[in-house]
Each structure stands twice: as structure tokens, then as C-alpha cells.
């Protein structure tokens, strides 16, 4: 998992400020998003998720924020 300090470095203070800072829910959402992004950049094509799976995961993330 991404540590809180790394999370704020990666996302950027300006974005977090616009979103009202980091709370536990946002932190978990950001960690899930960054993990998905990380999986998309794996070297081996067979280790990367299919685009349909990425789209489904993103849709779940959006749904969970409502």
C-alpha cells in the first residue's frame, strides 16, 4: 500500500486541497486508484489488466464515491 506521505506527494497538495484534504475514505480510494494505475504499467503484457477490467474497476470506484 501507498504510505500517506507518498500519497500526498503523488497526488499533489493542490488536488488534495481542492478536495478538502485527505480523510480515510479518500485515502483508500486513492490507494485503490494508484494500485490500478500501477498494474496498468507492469512490464509484462500478461500481467496488465485488460481494458474492460480497468473500465469495470473505475466504474466501481466512481460508484463507491456516490
PDB file of N, CA and C in Angstrom:
ATOM      1  N   UNK A   1       0.827  -1.191   0.000  1.00  0.00           N
ATOM      2  CA  UNK A   1       0.000   0.000   0.000  1.00  0.00           C
ATOM      3  C   UNK A   1       0.868   1.251   0.000  1.00  0.00           C
ATOM      4  N   UNK A   2       0.287   2.320  -0.446  1.00  0.00           N
ATOM      5  CA  UNK A   2       0.997   3.588  -0.512  1.00  0.00           C
ATOM      6  C   UNK A   2       0.892   4.277   0.842  1.00  0.00           C
ATOM      7  N   UNK A   3       2.018   4.713   1.364  1.00  0.00           N
ATOM      8  CA  UNK A   3       2.028   5.426   2.642  1.00  0.00           C
ATOM      9  C   UNK A   3       1.395   6.800   2.459  1.00  0.00           C
ATOM     10  N   UNK A   4       0.885   7.367   3.541  1.00  0.00           N
ATOM     11  CA  UNK A   4       0.195   8.655   3.486  1.00  0.00           C
ATOM     12  C   UNK A   4       1.078   9.750   2.893  1.00  0.00           C
ATOM     13  N   UNK A   5       2.367   9.778   3.282  1.00  0.00           N
ATOM     14  CA  UNK A   5       3.276  10.798   2.761  1.00  0.00           C
ATOM     15  C   UNK A   5       3.461  10.633   1.255  1.00  0.00           C
ATOM     16  N   UNK A   6       3.606   9.384   0.805  1.00  0.00           N
ATOM     17  CA  UNK A   6       3.758   9.125  -0.618  1.00  0.00           C
ATOM     18  C   UNK A   6       2.479   9.489  -1.354  1.00  0.00           C
ATOM     19  N   UNK A   7       1.355   9.233  -0.731  1.00  0.00           N
ATOM     20  CA  UNK A   7       0.072   9.523  -1.345  1.00  0.00           C
ATOM     21  C   UNK A   7      -0.067  11.013  -1.612  1.00  0.00           C
ATOM     22  N   UNK A   8       0.244  11.831  -0.624  1.00  0.00           N
ATOM     23  CA  UNK A   8       0.120  13.274  -0.811  1.00  0.00           C
ATOM     24  C   UNK A   8       1.161  13.783  -1.802  1.00  0.00           C
ATOM     25  N   UNK A   9       2.332  13.163  -1.847  1.00  0.00           N
ATOM     26  CA  UNK A   9       3.345  13.537  -2.835  1.00  0.00           C
ATOM     27  C   UNK A   9       2.885  13.185  -4.236  1.00  0.00           C
ATOM     28  N   UNK A  10       2.333  11.988  -4.395  1.00  0.00           N
ATOM     29  CA  UNK A  10       1.915  11.502  -5.701  1.00  0.00           C
ATOM     30  C   UNK A  10       0.737  12.296  -6.237  1.00  0.00           C
ATOM     31  N   UNK A  11      -0.251  12.492  -5.412  1.00  0.00           N
ATOM     32  CA  UNK A  11      -1.469  13.171  -5.848  1.00  0.00           C
ATOM     33  C   UNK A  11      -1.254  14.670  -5.948  1.00  0.00           C
ATOM     34  N   UNK A  12      -0.488  15.202  -5.051  1.00  0.00           N
ATOM     35  CA  UNK A  12      -0.208  16.629  -5.088  1.00  0.00           C
ATOM     36  C   UNK A  12      -1.071  17.396  -4.126  1.00  0.00           C
ATOM     37  N   UNK A  13      -0.449  18.306  -3.405  1.00  0.00           N
ATOM     38  CA  UNK A  13      -1.178  19.066  -2.389  1.00  0.00           C
ATOM     39  C   UNK A  13      -2.313  19.905  -2.962  1.00  0.00           C
ATOM     40  N   UNK A  14      -2.161  20.416  -4.170  1.00  0.00           N
ATOM     41  CA  UNK A  14      -3.197  21.270  -4.760  1.00  0.00           C
ATOM     42  C   UNK A  14      -4.488  20.482  -4.987  1.00  0.00           C
ATOM     43  N   UNK A  15      -4.360  19.276  -5.522  1.00  0.00           N
ATOM     44  CA  UNK A  15      -5.543  18.449  -5.765  1.00  0.00           C
ATOM     45  C   UNK A  15      -6.208  18.088  -4.446  1.00  0.00           C
ATOM     46  N   UNK A  16      -5.407  17.703  -3.471  1.00  0.00           N
ATOM     47  CA  UNK A  16      -5.969  17.342  -2.169  1.00  0.00           C
ATOM     48  C   UNK A  16      -6.652  18.530  -1.514  1.00  0.00           C
ATOM     49  N   UNK A  17      -6.075  19.709  -1.676  1.00  0.00           N
ATOM     50  CA  UNK A  17      -6.667  20.926  -1.119  1.00  0.00           C
ATOM     51  C   UNK A  17      -8.023  21.183  -1.761  1.00  0.00           C
ATOM     52  N   UNK A  18      -8.107  21.017  -3.082  1.00  0.00           N
ATOM     53  CA  UNK A  18      -9.367  21.228  -3.792  1.00  0.00           C
ATOM     54  C   UNK A  18     -10.432  20.241  -3.335  1.00  0.00           C
ATOM     55  N   UNK A  19     -10.003  19.067  -2.925  1.00  0.00           N
ATOM     56  CA  UNK A  19     -10.928  18.028  -2.476  1.00  0.00           C
ATOM     57  C   UNK A  19     -11.170  18.071  -0.972  1.00  0.00           C
ATOM     58  N   UNK A  20     -10.645  19.078  -0.299  1.00  0.00           N
ATOM     59  CA  UNK A  20     -10.882  19.225   1.134  1.00  0.00           C
ATOM     60  C   UNK A  20      -9.955  18.408   2.009  1.00  0.00           C
ATOM     61  N   UNK A  21      -8.798  18.051   1.490  1.00  0.00           N
ATOM     62  CA  UNK A  21      -7.839  17.280   2.279  1.00  0.00           C
ATOM     63  C   UNK A  21      -8.078  15.788   2.165  1.00  0.00           C
ATOM     64  N   UNK A  22      -7.328  15.041   2.936  1.00  0.00           N
ATOM     65  CA  UNK A  22      -7.414  13.580   2.881  1.00  0.00           C
ATOM     66  C   UNK A  22      -8.109  13.060   4.130  1.00  0.00           C
ATOM     67  N   UNK A  23      -9.173  12.300   3.917  1.00  0.00           N
ATOM     68  CA  UNK A  23      -9.767  11.557   5.024  1.00  0.00           C
ATOM     69  C   UNK A  23      -9.575  10.074   4.716  1.00  0.00           C
ATOM     70  N   UNK A  24      -9.996   9.225   5.610  1.00  0.00           N
ATOM     71  CA  UNK A  24      -9.730   7.788   5.449  1.00  0.00           C
ATOM     72  C   UNK A  24     -10.357   7.223   4.173  1.00  0.00           C
ATOM     73  N   UNK A  25     -11.593   7.631   3.865  1.00  0.00           N
ATOM     74  CA  UNK A  25     -12.261   7.130   2.659  1.00  0.00           C
ATOM     75  C   UNK A  25     -11.521   7.551   1.395  1.00  0.00           C
ATOM     76  N   UNK A  26     -11.157   8.826   1.329  1.00  0.00           N
ATOM     77  CA  UNK A  26     -10.430   9.319   0.158  1.00  0.00           C
ATOM     78  C   UNK A  26      -9.082   8.634   0.024  1.00  0.00           C
ATOM     79  N   UNK A  27      -8.443   8.418   1.151  1.00  0.00           N
ATOM     80  CA  UNK A  27      -7.141   7.760   1.141  1.00  0.00           C
ATOM     81  C   UNK A  27      -7.261   6.348   0.566  1.00  0.00           C
ATOM     82  N   UNK A  28      -8.281   5.614   0.981  1.00  0.00           N
ATOM     83  CA  UNK A  28      -8.494   4.262   0.462  1.00  0.00           C
ATOM     84  C   UNK A  28      -8.814   4.287  -1.028  1.00  0.00           C
ATOM     85  N   UNK A  29      -9.620   5.258  -1.457  1.00  0.00           N
ATOM     86  CA  UNK A  29      -9.951   5.387  -2.874  1.00  0.00           C
ATOM     87  C   UNK A  29      -8.705   5.700  -3.694  1.00  0.00           C
ATOM     88  N   UNK A  30      -7.894   6.606  -3.193  1.00  0.00           N
ATOM     89  CA  UNK A  30      -6.666   6.958  -3.902  1.00  0.00           C
ATOM     90  C   UNK A  30      -5.703   5.782  -3.960  1.00  0.00           C
ATOM     91  N   UNK A  31      -5.614   5.025  -2.886  1.00  0.00           N
ATOM     92  CA  UNK A  31      -4.738   3.853  -2.886  1.00  0.00           C
ATOM     93  C   UNK A  31      -5.207   2.826  -3.913  1.00  0.00           C
ATOM     94  N   UNK A  32      -6.509   2.608  -3.990  1.00  0.00           N
ATOM     95  CA  UNK A  32      -7.052   1.661  -4.968  1.00  0.00           C
ATOM     96  C   UNK A  32      -6.775   2.144  -6.388  1.00  0.00           C
ATOM     97  N   UNK A  33      -6.946   3.440  -6.618  1.00  0.00           N
ATOM     98  CA  UNK A  33      -6.691   4.013  -7.938  1.00  0.00           C
ATOM     99  C   UNK A  33      -5.217   3.881  -8.315  1.00  0.00           C
ATOM    100  N   UNK A  34      -4.332   4.207  -7.376  1.00  0.00           N
ATOM    101  CA  UNK A  34      -2.898   4.116  -7.659  1.00  0.00           C
ATOM    102  C   UNK A  34      -2.456   2.673  -7.881  1.00  0.00           C
ATOM    103  N   UNK A  35      -3.077   1.741  -7.186  1.00  0.00           N
ATOM    104  CA  UNK A  35      -2.764   0.326  -7.407  1.00  0.00           C
ATOM    105  C   UNK A  35      -3.194  -0.085  -8.811  1.00  0.00           C
ATOM    106  N   UNK A  36      -4.364   0.360  -9.233  1.00  0.00           N
ATOM    107  CA  UNK A  36      -4.842   0.060 -10.582  1.00  0.00           C
ATOM    108  C   UNK A  36      -3.896   0.644 -11.623  1.00  0.00           C
ATOM    109  N   UNK A  37      -3.503   1.881 -11.424  1.00  0.00           N
ATOM    110  CA  UNK A  37      -2.558   2.529 -12.342  1.00  0.00           C
ATOM    111  C   UNK A  37      -1.250   1.748 -12.391  1.00  0.00           C
ATOM    112  N   UNK A  38      -0.763   1.365 -11.238  1.00  0.00           N
ATOM    113  CA  UNK A  38       0.480   0.601 -11.158  1.00  0.00           C
ATOM    114  C   UNK A  38       0.370  -0.709 -11.935  1.00  0.00           C
ATOM    115  N   UNK A  39      -0.756  -1.385 -11.802  1.00  0.00           N
ATOM    116  CA  UNK A  39      -0.962  -2.636 -12.537  1.00  0.00           C
ATOM    117  C   UNK A  39      -0.970  -2.411 -14.047  1.00  0.00           C
ATOM    118  N   UNK A  40      -1.458  -1.268 -14.477  1.00  0.00           N
ATOM    119  CA  UNK A  40      -1.507  -0.958 -15.909  1.00  0.00           C
ATOM    120  C   UNK A  40      -0.114  -0.732 -16.499  1.00  0.00           C
ATOM    121  N   UNK A  41       0.857  -0.424 -15.661  1.00  0.00           N
ATOM    122  CA  UNK A  41       2.213  -0.145 -16.130  1.00  0.00           C
ATOM    123  C   UNK A  41       3.168  -1.327 -15.957  1.00  0.00           C
ATOM    124  N   UNK A  42       2.643  -2.490 -15.633  1.00  0.00           N
ATOM    125  CA  UNK A  42       3.516  -3.658 -15.478  1.00  0.00           C
ATOM    126  C   UNK A  42       4.203  -3.964 -16.806  1.00  0.00           C
ATOM    127  N   UNK A  43       5.419  -4.449 -16.714  1.00  0.00           N
ATOM    128  CA  UNK A  43       6.234  -4.697 -17.898  1.00  0.00           C
ATOM    129  C   UNK A  43       5.638  -5.771 -18.800  1.00  0.00           C
ATOM    130  N   UNK A  44       5.263  -6.872 -18.213  1.00  0.00           N
ATOM    131  CA  UNK A  44       4.714  -7.985 -18.993  1.00  0.00           C
ATOM    132  C   UNK A  44       3.249  -7.730 -19.338  1.00  0.00           C
ATOM    133  N   UNK A  45       2.946  -7.830 -20.609  1.00  0.00           N
ATOM    134  CA  UNK A  45       1.585  -7.586 -21.070  1.00  0.00           C
ATOM    135  C   UNK A  45       0.585  -8.501 -20.365  1.00  0.00           C
ATOM    136  N   UNK A  46       0.989  -9.730 -20.128  1.00  0.00           N
ATOM    137  CA  UNK A  46       0.080 -10.688 -19.490  1.00  0.00           C
ATOM    138  C   UNK A  46      -0.187 -10.357 -18.024  1.00  0.00           C
ATOM    139  N   UNK A  47       0.658  -9.516 -17.429  1.00  0.00           N
ATOM    140  CA  UNK A  47       0.463  -9.095 -16.036  1.00  0.00           C
ATOM    141  C   UNK A  47      -0.443  -7.873 -15.920  1.00  0.00           C
ATOM    142  N   UNK A  48      -0.669  -7.193 -17.046  1.00  0.00           N
ATOM    143  CA  UNK A  48      -1.508  -5.993 -17.028  1.00  0.00           C
ATOM    144  C   UNK A  48      -2.980  -6.373 -17.175  1.00  0.00           C
ATOM    145  N   UNK A  49      -3.867  -5.608 -16.555  1.00  0.00           N
ATOM    146  CA  UNK A  49      -5.301  -5.905 -16.688  1.00  0.00           C
ATOM    147  C   UNK A  49      -5.799  -5.542 -18.083  1.00  0.00           C
ATOM    148  N   UNK A  50      -6.839  -6.233 -18.512  1.00  0.00           N
ATOM    149  CA  UNK A  50      -7.489  -5.893 -19.775  1.00  0.00           C
ATOM    150  C   UNK A  50      -8.222  -4.567 -19.603  1.00  0.00           C
ATOM    151  N   UNK A  51      -8.390  -3.842 -20.697  1.00  0.00           N
ATOM    152  CA  UNK A  51      -9.064  -2.542 -20.622  1.00  0.00           C
ATOM    153  C   UNK A  51     -10.488  -2.675 -20.080  1.00  0.00           C
ATOM    154  N   UNK A  52     -11.171  -3.747 -20.428  1.00  0.00           N
ATOM    155  CA  UNK A  52     -12.527  -3.940 -19.917  1.00  0.00           C
ATOM    156  C   UNK A  52     -12.515  -4.067 -18.395  1.00  0.00           C
ATOM    157  N   UNK A  53     -11.488  -4.733 -17.868  1.00  0.00           N
ATOM    158  CA  UNK A  53     -11.370  -4.877 -16.417  1.00  0.00           C
ATOM    159  C   UNK A  53     -11.019  -3.545 -15.753  1.00  0.00           C
ATOM    160  N   UNK A  54     -10.189  -2.756 -16.419  1.00  0.00           N
ATOM    161  CA  UNK A  54      -9.855  -1.422 -15.907  1.00  0.00           C
ATOM    162  C   UNK A  54     -11.119  -0.564 -15.871  1.00  0.00           C
ATOM    163  N   UNK A  55     -11.892  -0.609 -16.949  1.00  0.00           N
ATOM    164  CA  UNK A  55     -13.127   0.173 -17.017  1.00  0.00           C
ATOM    165  C   UNK A  55     -14.105  -0.244 -15.918  1.00  0.00           C
ATOM    166  N   UNK A  56     -14.224  -1.547 -15.692  1.00  0.00           N
ATOM    167  CA  UNK A  56     -15.125  -2.032 -14.637  1.00  0.00           C
ATOM    168  C   UNK A  56     -14.661  -1.559 -13.261  1.00  0.00           C
ATOM    169  N   UNK A  57     -13.355  -1.641 -13.035  1.00  0.00           N
ATOM    170  CA  UNK A  57     -12.811  -1.221 -11.742  1.00  0.00           C
ATOM    171  C   UNK A  57     -13.019   0.281 -11.529  1.00  0.00           C
ATOM    172  N   UNK A  58     -12.790   1.068 -12.573  1.00  0.00           N
ATOM    173  CA  UNK A  58     -13.012   2.513 -12.470  1.00  0.00           C
ATOM    174  C   UNK A  58     -14.489   2.818 -12.206  1.00  0.00           C
ATOM    175  N   UNK A  59     -15.371   2.081 -12.867  1.00  0.00           N
ATOM    176  CA  UNK A  59     -16.809   2.279 -12.647  1.00  0.00           C
ATOM    177  C   UNK A  59     -17.181   1.971 -11.197  1.00  0.00           C
ATOM    178  N   UNK A  60     -16.592   0.913 -10.631  1.00  0.00           N
ATOM    179  CA  UNK A  60     -16.845   0.586  -9.219  1.00  0.00           C
ATOM    180  C   UNK A  60     -16.352   1.704  -8.311  1.00  0.00           C
ATOM    181  N   UNK A  61     -15.188   2.262  -8.652  1.00  0.00           N
ATOM    182  CA  UNK A  61     -14.635   3.346  -7.839  1.00  0.00           C
ATOM    183  C   UNK A  61     -15.547   4.564  -7.867  1.00  0.00           C
ATOM    184  N   UNK A  62     -16.041   4.897  -9.046  1.00  0.00           N
ATOM    185  CA  UNK A  62     -16.933   6.049  -9.178  1.00  0.00           C
ATOM    186  C   UNK A  62     -18.219   5.797  -8.397  1.00  0.00           C
ATOM    187  N   UNK A  63     -18.752   4.602  -8.529  1.00  0.00           N
ATOM    188  CA  UNK A  63     -19.991   4.252  -7.831  1.00  0.00           C
ATOM    189  C   UNK A  63     -19.829   4.344  -6.316  1.00  0.00           C
ATOM    190  N   UNK A  64     -18.667   3.956  -5.824  1.00  0.00           N
ATOM    191  CA  UNK A  64     -18.444   3.963  -4.372  1.00  0.00           C
ATOM    192  C   UNK A  64     -18.280   5.371  -3.808  1.00  0.00           C
ATOM    193  N   UNK A  65     -18.061   6.358  -4.657  1.00  0.00           N
ATOM    194  CA  UNK A  65     -17.906   7.733  -4.179  1.00  0.00           C
ATOM    195  C   UNK A  65     -19.247   8.444  -4.064  1.00  0.00           C
ATOM    196  N   UNK A  66     -20.293   7.830  -4.563  1.00  0.00           N
ATOM    197  CA  UNK A  66     -21.612   8.476  -4.538  1.00  0.00           C
ATOM    198  C   UNK A  66     -22.368   8.133  -3.293  1.00  0.00           C
TER     199      UNK A  66
END
